[in-house]
PDB file of N, CA and C in Angstrom:
ATOM      1  N   MET A   1       0.861  -1.166  -0.081  1.00  0.00           N
ATOM      2  CA  MET A   1       0.033  -0.041   0.045  1.00  0.00           C
ATOM      3  C   MET A   1       0.860   1.281  -0.031  1.00  0.00           C
ATOM      4  N   ARG A   2       1.948   1.267   0.733  1.00  0.00           N
ATOM      5  CA  ARG A   2       2.757   2.370   0.876  1.00  0.00           C
ATOM      6  C   ARG A   2       3.378   2.689  -0.454  1.00  0.00           C
ATOM      7  N   GLU A   3       3.950   1.659  -1.226  1.00  0.00           N
ATOM      8  CA  GLU A   3       4.591   1.852  -2.543  1.00  0.00           C
ATOM      9  C   GLU A   3       3.527   2.505  -3.567  1.00  0.00           C
ATOM     10  N   GLU A   4       2.333   2.119  -3.463  1.00  0.00           N
ATOM     11  CA  GLU A   4       1.316   2.551  -4.298  1.00  0.00           C
ATOM     12  C   GLU A   4       1.075   4.171  -4.077  1.00  0.00           C
ATOM     13  N   SER A   5       1.079   4.541  -2.745  1.00  0.00           N
ATOM     14  CA  SER A   5       0.804   5.977  -2.427  1.00  0.00           C
ATOM     15  C   SER A   5       2.056   6.852  -2.879  1.00  0.00           C
ATOM     16  N   LEU A   6       3.270   6.181  -2.778  1.00  0.00           N
ATOM     17  CA  LEU A   6       4.495   7.008  -3.253  1.00  0.00           C
ATOM     18  C   LEU A   6       4.332   7.163  -4.810  1.00  0.00           C
ATOM     19  N   ARG A   7       4.032   6.075  -5.443  1.00  0.00           N
ATOM     20  CA  ARG A   7       4.051   6.139  -6.811  1.00  0.00           C
ATOM     21  C   ARG A   7       3.019   7.256  -7.308  1.00  0.00           C
ATOM     22  N   SER A   8       1.866   7.256  -6.710  1.00  0.00           N
ATOM     23  CA  SER A   8       0.809   8.150  -7.135  1.00  0.00           C
ATOM     24  C   SER A   8       1.078   9.618  -6.800  1.00  0.00           C
ATOM     25  N   SER A   9       1.877   9.937  -5.711  1.00  0.00           N
ATOM     26  CA  SER A   9       2.304  11.251  -5.548  1.00  0.00           C
ATOM     27  C   SER A   9       3.291  11.801  -6.432  1.00  0.00           C
ATOM     28  N   LYS A  10       4.014  10.956  -7.171  1.00  0.00           N
ATOM     29  CA  LYS A  10       5.010  11.234  -8.047  1.00  0.00           C
ATOM     30  C   LYS A  10       4.491  11.427  -9.516  1.00  0.00           C
ATOM     31  N   GLU A  11       3.427  10.726  -9.773  1.00  0.00           N
ATOM     32  CA  GLU A  11       2.809  10.677 -11.120  1.00  0.00           C
ATOM     33  C   GLU A  11       2.184  12.011 -11.507  1.00  0.00           C
ATOM     34  N   GLN A  12       2.402  12.436 -12.711  1.00  0.00           N
ATOM     35  CA  GLN A  12       1.820  13.710 -13.179  1.00  0.00           C
ATOM     36  C   GLN A  12       1.158  13.340 -14.589  1.00  0.00           C
ATOM     37  N   PRO A  13       0.109  13.911 -14.775  1.00  0.00           N
ATOM     38  CA  PRO A  13      -0.552  13.796 -16.094  1.00  0.00           C
ATOM     39  C   PRO A  13       0.424  14.139 -17.281  1.00  0.00           C
ATOM     40  N   ILE A  14       0.314  13.310 -18.418  1.00  0.00           N
ATOM     41  CA  ILE A  14       1.199  13.578 -19.590  1.00  0.00           C
ATOM     42  C   ILE A  14       1.128  14.992 -20.073  1.00  0.00           C
ATOM     43  N   LYS A  15      -0.033  15.589 -20.028  1.00  0.00           N
ATOM     44  CA  LYS A  15      -0.256  16.917 -20.504  1.00  0.00           C
ATOM     45  C   LYS A  15       0.607  17.896 -19.633  1.00  0.00           C
ATOM     46  N   GLU A  16       0.779  17.780 -18.462  1.00  0.00           N
ATOM     47  CA  GLU A  16       1.607  18.640 -17.580  1.00  0.00           C
ATOM     48  C   GLU A  16       3.093  18.374 -17.915  1.00  0.00           C
ATOM     49  N   ILE A  17       3.523  17.203 -18.115  1.00  0.00           N
ATOM     50  CA  ILE A  17       4.903  16.776 -18.384  1.00  0.00           C
ATOM     51  C   ILE A  17       5.283  17.471 -19.858  1.00  0.00           C
ATOM     52  N   ILE A  18       4.338  17.353 -20.849  1.00  0.00           N
ATOM     53  CA  ILE A  18       4.628  17.873 -22.105  1.00  0.00           C
ATOM     54  C   ILE A  18       4.782  19.450 -22.032  1.00  0.00           C
ATOM     55  N   ALA A  19       3.836  20.038 -21.205  1.00  0.00           N
ATOM     56  CA  ALA A  19       3.847  21.499 -21.057  1.00  0.00           C
ATOM     57  C   ALA A  19       5.245  21.941 -20.470  1.00  0.00           C
ATOM     58  N   LYS A  20       5.553  21.265 -19.403  1.00  0.00           N
ATOM     59  CA  LYS A  20       6.917  21.580 -18.756  1.00  0.00           C
ATOM     60  C   LYS A  20       8.016  21.350 -19.734  1.00  0.00           C
ATOM     61  N   PHE A  21       8.063  20.315 -20.449  1.00  0.00           N
ATOM     62  CA  PHE A  21       9.166  20.045 -21.473  1.00  0.00           C
ATOM     63  C   PHE A  21       9.190  21.266 -22.597  1.00  0.00           C
ATOM     64  N   LEU A  22       7.985  21.533 -23.104  1.00  0.00           N
ATOM     65  CA  LEU A  22       7.890  22.698 -24.108  1.00  0.00           C
ATOM     66  C   LEU A  22       8.441  23.998 -23.509  1.00  0.00           C
ATOM     67  N   LYS A  23       7.916  24.288 -22.285  1.00  0.00           N
ATOM     68  CA  LYS A  23       8.405  25.524 -21.599  1.00  0.00           C
ATOM     69  C   LYS A  23       9.893  25.569 -21.404  1.00  0.00           C
ATOM     70  N   ALA A  24      10.488  24.492 -20.839  1.00  0.00           N
ATOM     71  CA  ALA A  24      11.923  24.320 -20.596  1.00  0.00           C
ATOM     72  C   ALA A  24      12.746  24.473 -21.771  1.00  0.00           C
ATOM     73  N   HIS A  25      12.254  24.086 -23.034  1.00  0.00           N
ATOM     74  CA  HIS A  25      12.966  24.124 -24.263  1.00  0.00           C
ATOM     75  C   HIS A  25      12.505  25.355 -25.153  1.00  0.00           C
ATOM     76  N   SER A  26      11.768  26.234 -24.481  1.00  0.00           N
ATOM     77  CA  SER A  26      11.244  27.508 -25.127  1.00  0.00           C
ATOM     78  C   SER A  26      10.458  27.120 -26.420  1.00  0.00           C
ATOM     79  N   LEU A  27       9.722  26.036 -26.393  1.00  0.00           N
ATOM     80  CA  LEU A  27       8.908  25.606 -27.512  1.00  0.00           C
ATOM     81  C   LEU A  27       7.495  25.934 -27.351  1.00  0.00           C
ATOM     82  N   ASP A  28       7.062  26.339 -26.059  1.00  0.00           N
ATOM     83  CA  ASP A  28       5.678  26.511 -25.881  1.00  0.00           C
ATOM     84  C   ASP A  28       5.024  27.682 -26.631  1.00  0.00           C
ATOM     85  N   GLU A  29       5.781  28.725 -26.839  1.00  0.00           N
ATOM     86  CA  GLU A  29       5.309  29.877 -27.675  1.00  0.00           C
ATOM     87  C   GLU A  29       5.164  29.517 -29.122  1.00  0.00           C
ATOM     88  N   LYS A  30       6.191  28.832 -29.615  1.00  0.00           N
ATOM     89  CA  LYS A  30       6.117  28.286 -31.026  1.00  0.00           C
ATOM     90  C   LYS A  30       4.896  27.320 -31.252  1.00  0.00           C
ATOM     91  N   MET A  31       4.588  26.554 -30.353  1.00  0.00           N
ATOM     92  CA  MET A  31       3.427  25.615 -30.417  1.00  0.00           C
ATOM     93  C   MET A  31       2.113  26.396 -30.452  1.00  0.00           C
ATOM     94  N   LYS A  32       2.115  27.516 -29.571  1.00  0.00           N
ATOM     95  CA  LYS A  32       0.885  28.271 -29.616  1.00  0.00           C
ATOM     96  C   LYS A  32       0.751  29.040 -30.902  1.00  0.00           C
ATOM     97  N   GLU A  33       1.833  29.492 -31.541  1.00  0.00           N
ATOM     98  CA  GLU A  33       1.771  30.187 -32.761  1.00  0.00           C
ATOM     99  C   GLU A  33       1.280  29.140 -33.930  1.00  0.00           C
ATOM    100  N   MET A  34       1.639  27.971 -33.779  1.00  0.00           N
ATOM    101  CA  MET A  34       1.241  26.936 -34.758  1.00  0.00           C
ATOM    102  C   MET A  34      -0.335  26.691 -34.579  1.00  0.00           C
ATOM    103  N   ASP A  35      -0.699  26.671 -33.372  1.00  0.00           N
ATOM    104  CA  ASP A  35      -2.177  26.480 -33.061  1.00  0.00           C
ATOM    105  C   ASP A  35      -2.907  27.653 -33.644  1.00  0.00           C
ATOM    106  N   VAL A  36      -2.473  28.788 -33.561  1.00  0.00           N
ATOM    107  CA  VAL A  36      -3.192  29.916 -34.138  1.00  0.00           C
ATOM    108  C   VAL A  36      -3.262  29.855 -35.708  1.00  0.00           C
ATOM    109  N   ILE A  37      -2.131  29.449 -36.256  1.00  0.00           N
ATOM    110  CA  ILE A  37      -2.046  29.413 -37.701  1.00  0.00           C
ATOM    111  C   ILE A  37      -2.942  28.271 -38.232  1.00  0.00           C
ATOM    112  N   ALA A  38      -2.968  27.247 -37.529  1.00  0.00           N
ATOM    113  CA  ALA A  38      -3.803  26.057 -37.867  1.00  0.00           C
ATOM    114  C   ALA A  38      -5.317  26.431 -37.660  1.00  0.00           C
ATOM    115  N   ALA A  39      -5.629  27.295 -36.759  1.00  0.00           N
ATOM    116  CA  ALA A  39      -7.010  27.769 -36.588  1.00  0.00           C
ATOM    117  C   ALA A  39      -7.396  28.970 -37.314  1.00  0.00           C
ATOM    118  N   TRP A  40      -6.582  29.483 -38.265  1.00  0.00           N
ATOM    119  CA  TRP A  40      -6.894  30.597 -39.011  1.00  0.00           C
ATOM    120  C   TRP A  40      -8.202  30.529 -39.789  1.00  0.00           C
ATOM    121  N   PRO A  41      -8.479  29.409 -40.542  1.00  0.00           N
ATOM    122  CA  PRO A  41      -9.804  29.305 -41.172  1.00  0.00           C
ATOM    123  C   PRO A  41     -11.008  29.422 -40.188  1.00  0.00           C
ATOM    124  N   GLU A  42     -10.793  28.814 -39.032  1.00  0.00           N
ATOM    125  CA  GLU A  42     -11.898  28.771 -37.929  1.00  0.00           C
ATOM    126  C   GLU A  42     -12.067  30.209 -37.430  1.00  0.00           C
ATOM    127  N   LEU A  43     -10.919  30.984 -37.214  1.00  0.00           N
ATOM    128  CA  LEU A  43     -10.952  32.250 -36.581  1.00  0.00           C
ATOM    129  C   LEU A  43     -11.481  33.428 -37.655  1.00  0.00           C
ATOM    130  N   MET A  44     -11.184  33.252 -38.956  1.00  0.00           N
ATOM    131  CA  MET A  44     -11.468  34.256 -39.850  1.00  0.00           C
ATOM    132  C   MET A  44     -12.432  33.839 -40.965  1.00  0.00           C
ATOM    133  N   GLY A  45     -12.749  32.571 -41.036  1.00  0.00           N
ATOM    134  CA  GLY A  45     -13.692  32.120 -42.039  1.00  0.00           C
ATOM    135  C   GLY A  45     -13.032  31.595 -43.193  1.00  0.00           C
ATOM    136  N   SER A  46     -13.672  30.702 -43.913  1.00  0.00           N
ATOM    137  CA  SER A  46     -13.096  29.972 -45.041  1.00  0.00           C
ATOM    138  C   SER A  46     -12.783  30.941 -46.293  1.00  0.00           C
ATOM    139  N   ALA A  47     -13.613  32.047 -46.423  1.00  0.00           N
ATOM    140  CA  ALA A  47     -13.260  32.896 -47.610  1.00  0.00           C
ATOM    141  C   ALA A  47     -11.875  33.601 -47.376  1.00  0.00           C
ATOM    142  N   VAL A  48     -11.668  34.134 -46.100  1.00  0.00           N
ATOM    143  CA  VAL A  48     -10.293  34.791 -45.807  1.00  0.00           C
ATOM    144  C   VAL A  48      -9.207  33.689 -45.929  1.00  0.00           C
ATOM    145  N   ALA A  49      -9.492  32.497 -45.306  1.00  0.00           N
ATOM    146  CA  ALA A  49      -8.506  31.486 -45.307  1.00  0.00           C
ATOM    147  C   ALA A  49      -8.058  31.020 -46.811  1.00  0.00           C
ATOM    148  N   HIS A  50      -9.046  31.007 -47.674  1.00  0.00           N
ATOM    149  CA  HIS A  50      -8.764  30.617 -49.016  1.00  0.00           C
ATOM    150  C   HIS A  50      -7.878  31.611 -49.724  1.00  0.00           C
ATOM    151  N   ARG A  51      -8.122  32.929 -49.402  1.00  0.00           N
ATOM    152  CA  ARG A  51      -7.301  34.015 -49.970  1.00  0.00           C
ATOM    153  C   ARG A  51      -5.912  34.285 -49.277  1.00  0.00           C
ATOM    154  N   THR A  52      -5.684  33.598 -48.146  1.00  0.00           N
ATOM    155  CA  THR A  52      -4.500  33.681 -47.359  1.00  0.00           C
ATOM    156  C   THR A  52      -3.413  32.808 -47.953  1.00  0.00           C
ATOM    157  N   LYS A  53      -2.373  33.392 -48.607  1.00  0.00           N
ATOM    158  CA  LYS A  53      -1.331  32.532 -49.211  1.00  0.00           C
ATOM    159  C   LYS A  53      -0.142  32.260 -48.422  1.00  0.00           C
ATOM    160  N   GLU A  54       0.054  33.076 -47.420  1.00  0.00           N
ATOM    161  CA  GLU A  54       1.179  32.931 -46.423  1.00  0.00           C
ATOM    162  C   GLU A  54       0.788  33.575 -45.018  1.00  0.00           C
ATOM    163  N   ILE A  55       1.025  32.896 -43.953  1.00  0.00           N
ATOM    164  CA  ILE A  55       0.814  33.466 -42.706  1.00  0.00           C
ATOM    165  C   ILE A  55       1.851  32.988 -41.641  1.00  0.00           C
ATOM    166  N   TYR A  56       2.410  33.859 -40.929  1.00  0.00           N
ATOM    167  CA  TYR A  56       3.394  33.508 -39.895  1.00  0.00           C
ATOM    168  C   TYR A  56       3.452  34.630 -38.950  1.00  0.00           C
ATOM    169  N   ILE A  57       4.047  34.295 -37.759  1.00  0.00           N
ATOM    170  CA  ILE A  57       4.033  35.197 -36.519  1.00  0.00           C
ATOM    171  C   ILE A  57       5.471  35.269 -36.209  1.00  0.00           C
ATOM    172  N   LYS A  58       5.829  36.550 -35.975  1.00  0.00           N
ATOM    173  CA  LYS A  58       7.287  36.824 -35.583  1.00  0.00           C
ATOM    174  C   LYS A  58       7.285  38.152 -34.753  1.00  0.00           C
ATOM    175  N   ASN A  59       7.866  38.013 -33.549  1.00  0.00           N
ATOM    176  CA  ASN A  59       7.886  39.071 -32.610  1.00  0.00           C
ATOM    177  C   ASN A  59       6.556  39.781 -32.386  1.00  0.00           C
ATOM    178  N   GLN A  60       5.545  39.061 -32.094  1.00  0.00           N
ATOM    179  CA  GLN A  60       4.226  39.407 -31.823  1.00  0.00           C
ATOM    180  C   GLN A  60       3.487  40.158 -32.932  1.00  0.00           C
ATOM    181  N   VAL A  61       4.040  40.058 -34.222  1.00  0.00           N
ATOM    182  CA  VAL A  61       3.579  40.604 -35.398  1.00  0.00           C
ATOM    183  C   VAL A  61       2.948  39.381 -36.245  1.00  0.00           C
ATOM    184  N   LEU A  62       1.736  39.585 -36.705  1.00  0.00           N
ATOM    185  CA  LEU A  62       1.058  38.591 -37.652  1.00  0.00           C
ATOM    186  C   LEU A  62       1.362  39.053 -38.992  1.00  0.00           C
ATOM    187  N   TYR A  63       2.030  38.285 -39.819  1.00  0.00           N
ATOM    188  CA  TYR A  63       2.359  38.630 -41.243  1.00  0.00           C
ATOM    189  C   TYR A  63       1.442  37.821 -42.176  1.00  0.00           C
ATOM    190  N   LEU A  64       0.676  38.471 -43.061  1.00  0.00           N
ATOM    191  CA  LEU A  64      -0.274  37.900 -43.938  1.00  0.00           C
ATOM    192  C   LEU A  64       0.059  38.253 -45.318  1.00  0.00           C
ATOM    193  N   SER A  65      -0.132  37.242 -46.247  1.00  0.00           N
ATOM    194  CA  SER A  65      -0.096  37.558 -47.671  1.00  0.00           C
ATOM    195  C   SER A  65      -1.373  37.145 -48.208  1.00  0.00           C
ATOM    196  N   ILE A  66      -2.088  38.068 -48.598  1.00  0.00           N
ATOM    197  CA  ILE A  66      -3.483  37.837 -49.152  1.00  0.00           C
ATOM    198  C   ILE A  66      -3.522  38.123 -50.680  1.00  0.00           C
ATOM    199  N   ASP A  67      -4.077  37.235 -51.389  1.00  0.00           N
ATOM    200  CA  ASP A  67      -4.035  37.403 -52.934  1.00  0.00           C
ATOM    201  C   ASP A  67      -5.166  38.259 -53.494  1.00  0.00           C
ATOM    202  N   SER A  68      -5.935  38.854 -52.581  1.00  0.00           N
ATOM    203  CA  SER A  68      -6.985  39.755 -53.139  1.00  0.00           C
ATOM    204  C   SER A  68      -6.894  41.165 -52.615  1.00  0.00           C
ATOM    205  N   SER A  69      -6.668  42.095 -53.397  1.00  0.00           N
ATOM    206  CA  SER A  69      -6.410  43.475 -53.000  1.00  0.00           C
ATOM    207  C   SER A  69      -7.694  44.001 -52.153  1.00  0.00           C
ATOM    208  N   VAL A  70      -8.891  43.608 -52.553  1.00  0.00           N
ATOM    209  CA  VAL A  70     -10.007  44.083 -51.900  1.00  0.00           C
ATOM    210  C   VAL A  70     -10.182  43.460 -50.602  1.00  0.00           C
ATOM    211  N   MET A  71      -9.985  42.152 -50.389  1.00  0.00           N
ATOM    212  CA  MET A  71      -9.901  41.530 -49.060  1.00  0.00           C
ATOM    213  C   MET A  71      -8.866  42.009 -48.234  1.00  0.00           C
ATOM    214  N   ARG A  72      -7.607  42.270 -48.746  1.00  0.00           N
ATOM    215  CA  ARG A  72      -6.496  42.829 -48.012  1.00  0.00           C
ATOM    216  C   ARG A  72      -6.954  44.203 -47.420  1.00  0.00           C
ATOM    217  N   GLU A  73      -7.600  44.970 -48.215  1.00  0.00           N
ATOM    218  CA  GLU A  73      -8.067  46.265 -47.717  1.00  0.00           C
ATOM    219  C   GLU A  73      -9.037  46.167 -46.550  1.00  0.00           C
ATOM    220  N   GLU A  74     -10.006  45.269 -46.754  1.00  0.00           N
ATOM    221  CA  GLU A  74     -11.025  44.945 -45.681  1.00  0.00           C
ATOM    222  C   GLU A  74     -10.261  44.555 -44.378  1.00  0.00           C
ATOM    223  N   LEU A  75      -9.408  43.570 -44.556  1.00  0.00           N
ATOM    224  CA  LEU A  75      -8.673  43.087 -43.329  1.00  0.00           C
ATOM    225  C   LEU A  75      -7.815  44.290 -42.617  1.00  0.00           C
ATOM    226  N   LEU A  76      -7.308  45.023 -43.473  1.00  0.00           N
ATOM    227  CA  LEU A  76      -6.461  46.084 -42.991  1.00  0.00           C
ATOM    228  C   LEU A  76      -7.369  47.038 -42.193  1.00  0.00           C
ATOM    229  N   ASN A  77      -8.605  47.272 -42.584  1.00  0.00           N
ATOM    230  CA  ASN A  77      -9.507  48.030 -41.873  1.00  0.00           C
ATOM    231  C   ASN A  77      -9.997  47.343 -40.456  1.00  0.00           C
ATOM    232  N   GLY A  78      -9.997  46.101 -40.537  1.00  0.00           N
ATOM    233  CA  GLY A  78     -10.413  45.272 -39.426  1.00  0.00           C
ATOM    234  C   GLY A  78      -9.212  44.713 -38.677  1.00  0.00           C
ATOM    235  N   LYS A  79      -8.108  45.263 -38.680  1.00  0.00           N
ATOM    236  CA  LYS A  79      -6.828  44.771 -38.105  1.00  0.00           C
ATOM    237  C   LYS A  79      -7.068  44.550 -36.645  1.00  0.00           C
ATOM    238  N   GLN A  80      -7.694  45.396 -35.944  1.00  0.00           N
ATOM    239  CA  GLN A  80      -7.949  45.281 -34.514  1.00  0.00           C
ATOM    240  C   GLN A  80      -8.716  44.082 -34.129  1.00  0.00           C
ATOM    241  N   ILE A  81      -9.678  43.772 -34.970  1.00  0.00           N
ATOM    242  CA  ILE A  81     -10.614  42.562 -34.739  1.00  0.00           C
ATOM    243  C   ILE A  81      -9.799  41.262 -34.964  1.00  0.00           C
ATOM    244  N   ILE A  82      -8.895  41.265 -35.838  1.00  0.00           N
ATOM    245  CA  ILE A  82      -8.041  40.164 -36.076  1.00  0.00           C
ATOM    246  C   ILE A  82      -7.181  40.000 -34.892  1.00  0.00           C
ATOM    247  N   ILE A  83      -6.495  40.985 -34.373  1.00  0.00           N
ATOM    248  CA  ILE A  83      -5.668  40.924 -33.169  1.00  0.00           C
ATOM    249  C   ILE A  83      -6.442  40.393 -31.957  1.00  0.00           C
ATOM    250  N   GLU A  84      -7.723  40.938 -31.763  1.00  0.00           N
ATOM    251  CA  GLU A  84      -8.496  40.538 -30.623  1.00  0.00           C
ATOM    252  C   GLU A  84      -8.855  39.010 -30.779  1.00  0.00           C
ATOM    253  N   ARG A  85      -9.357  38.649 -31.964  1.00  0.00           N
ATOM    254  CA  ARG A  85      -9.786  37.128 -32.089  1.00  0.00           C
ATOM    255  C   ARG A  85      -8.574  36.258 -31.861  1.00  0.00           C
ATOM    256  N   ILE A  86      -7.339  36.551 -32.374  1.00  0.00           N
ATOM    257  CA  ILE A  86      -6.201  35.716 -32.144  1.00  0.00           C
ATOM    258  C   ILE A  86      -5.941  35.763 -30.689  1.00  0.00           C
ATOM    259  N   ASN A  87      -5.822  36.805 -30.007  1.00  0.00           N
ATOM    260  CA  ASN A  87      -5.379  36.864 -28.587  1.00  0.00           C
ATOM    261  C   ASN A  87      -6.445  36.175 -27.761  1.00  0.00           C
ATOM    262  N   GLN A  88      -7.597  36.318 -28.118  1.00  0.00           N
ATOM    263  CA  GLN A  88      -8.694  35.539 -27.295  1.00  0.00           C
ATOM    264  C   GLN A  88      -8.582  34.012 -27.564  1.00  0.00           C
ATOM    265  N   PHE A  89      -8.321  33.671 -28.741  1.00  0.00           N
ATOM    266  CA  PHE A  89      -7.960  32.155 -29.046  1.00  0.00           C
ATOM    267  C   PHE A  89      -6.797  31.687 -28.290  1.00  0.00           C
ATOM    268  N   ALA A  90      -5.742  32.514 -28.211  1.00  0.00           N
ATOM    269  CA  ALA A  90      -4.477  32.028 -27.560  1.00  0.00           C
ATOM    270  C   ALA A  90      -4.549  32.225 -26.069  1.00  0.00           C
ATOM    271  N   GLU A  91      -5.502  32.887 -25.645  1.00  0.00           N
ATOM    272  CA  GLU A  91      -5.756  33.097 -24.260  1.00  0.00           C
ATOM    273  C   GLU A  91      -4.671  33.922 -23.624  1.00  0.00           C
ATOM    274  N   LYS A  92      -3.958  34.804 -24.389  1.00  0.00           N
ATOM    275  CA  LYS A  92      -2.954  35.700 -24.038  1.00  0.00           C
ATOM    276  C   LYS A  92      -2.640  36.737 -25.126  1.00  0.00           C
ATOM    277  N   GLU A  93      -1.812  37.733 -24.747  1.00  0.00           N
ATOM    278  CA  GLU A  93      -1.550  38.680 -25.811  1.00  0.00           C
ATOM    279  C   GLU A  93      -0.355  38.235 -26.752  1.00  0.00           C
ATOM    280  N   MET A  94      -0.844  37.591 -27.770  1.00  0.00           N
ATOM    281  CA  MET A  94       0.204  36.973 -28.648  1.00  0.00           C
ATOM    282  C   MET A  94       0.589  37.925 -29.850  1.00  0.00           C
ATOM    283  N   ILE A  95      -0.457  38.675 -30.268  1.00  0.00           N
ATOM    284  CA  ILE A  95      -0.250  39.517 -31.408  1.00  0.00           C
ATOM    285  C   ILE A  95      -0.497  40.905 -30.947  1.00  0.00           C
ATOM    286  N   LYS A  96       0.404  41.825 -31.401  1.00  0.00           N
ATOM    287  CA  LYS A  96       0.167  43.315 -31.171  1.00  0.00           C
ATOM    288  C   LYS A  96      -0.076  44.030 -32.349  1.00  0.00           C
ATOM    289  N   ASN A  97       0.340  43.438 -33.541  1.00  0.00           N
ATOM    290  CA  ASN A  97       0.202  44.113 -34.938  1.00  0.00           C
ATOM    291  C   ASN A  97      -0.022  43.124 -35.942  1.00  0.00           C
ATOM    292  N   VAL A  98      -0.595  43.681 -37.157  1.00  0.00           N
ATOM    293  CA  VAL A  98      -0.711  42.817 -38.254  1.00  0.00           C
ATOM    294  C   VAL A  98      -0.163  43.505 -39.433  1.00  0.00           C
ATOM    295  N   TRP A  99       0.655  42.911 -40.214  1.00  0.00           N
ATOM    296  CA  TRP A  99       1.358  43.458 -41.469  1.00  0.00           C
ATOM    297  C   TRP A  99       0.911  42.608 -42.719  1.00  0.00           C
ATOM    298  N   PHE A 100       0.654  43.256 -43.714  1.00  0.00           N
ATOM    299  CA  PHE A 100       0.286  42.575 -44.916  1.00  0.00           C
ATOM    300  C   PHE A 100       1.460  42.659 -45.973  1.00  0.00           C
ATOM    301  N   ASN A 101       1.783  41.545 -46.464  1.00  0.00           N
ATOM    302  CA  ASN A 101       2.911  41.434 -47.503  1.00  0.00           C
ATOM    303  C   ASN A 101       2.266  41.712 -48.859  1.00  0.00           C
TER     304      ASN A 101
END
C-alpha cells in the first residue's frame, strides 16, 4: 500500500509533463503560434483562409499575404478585430500588430 501511495504522489498527467518540457525548451510559444495558424480558417472564415497565401508570426506581429487586394483592404480596416480574435483564441496577448505582404 505504501509503495502505491508513493507512486501516485510522483505521477503527473502527460499533459503537464509535455507542457513543462515545451516551456523548458522554449517551444511553448512556437506551439501556440502553430495552433493559431492552424485555426486561421476557424478564426477568420473560409473565404479569408482561401485567400491567405502565407501566414506567420514573428515578434508578436502577424504577417499575412492575401491574394485579393479588396480583401486585403477589408482586413487592413479590421486589423484590431484580427488581433482581438487571435489573442482571445491564444488566451494571452500573442499579437500586437498585423502586417500585410
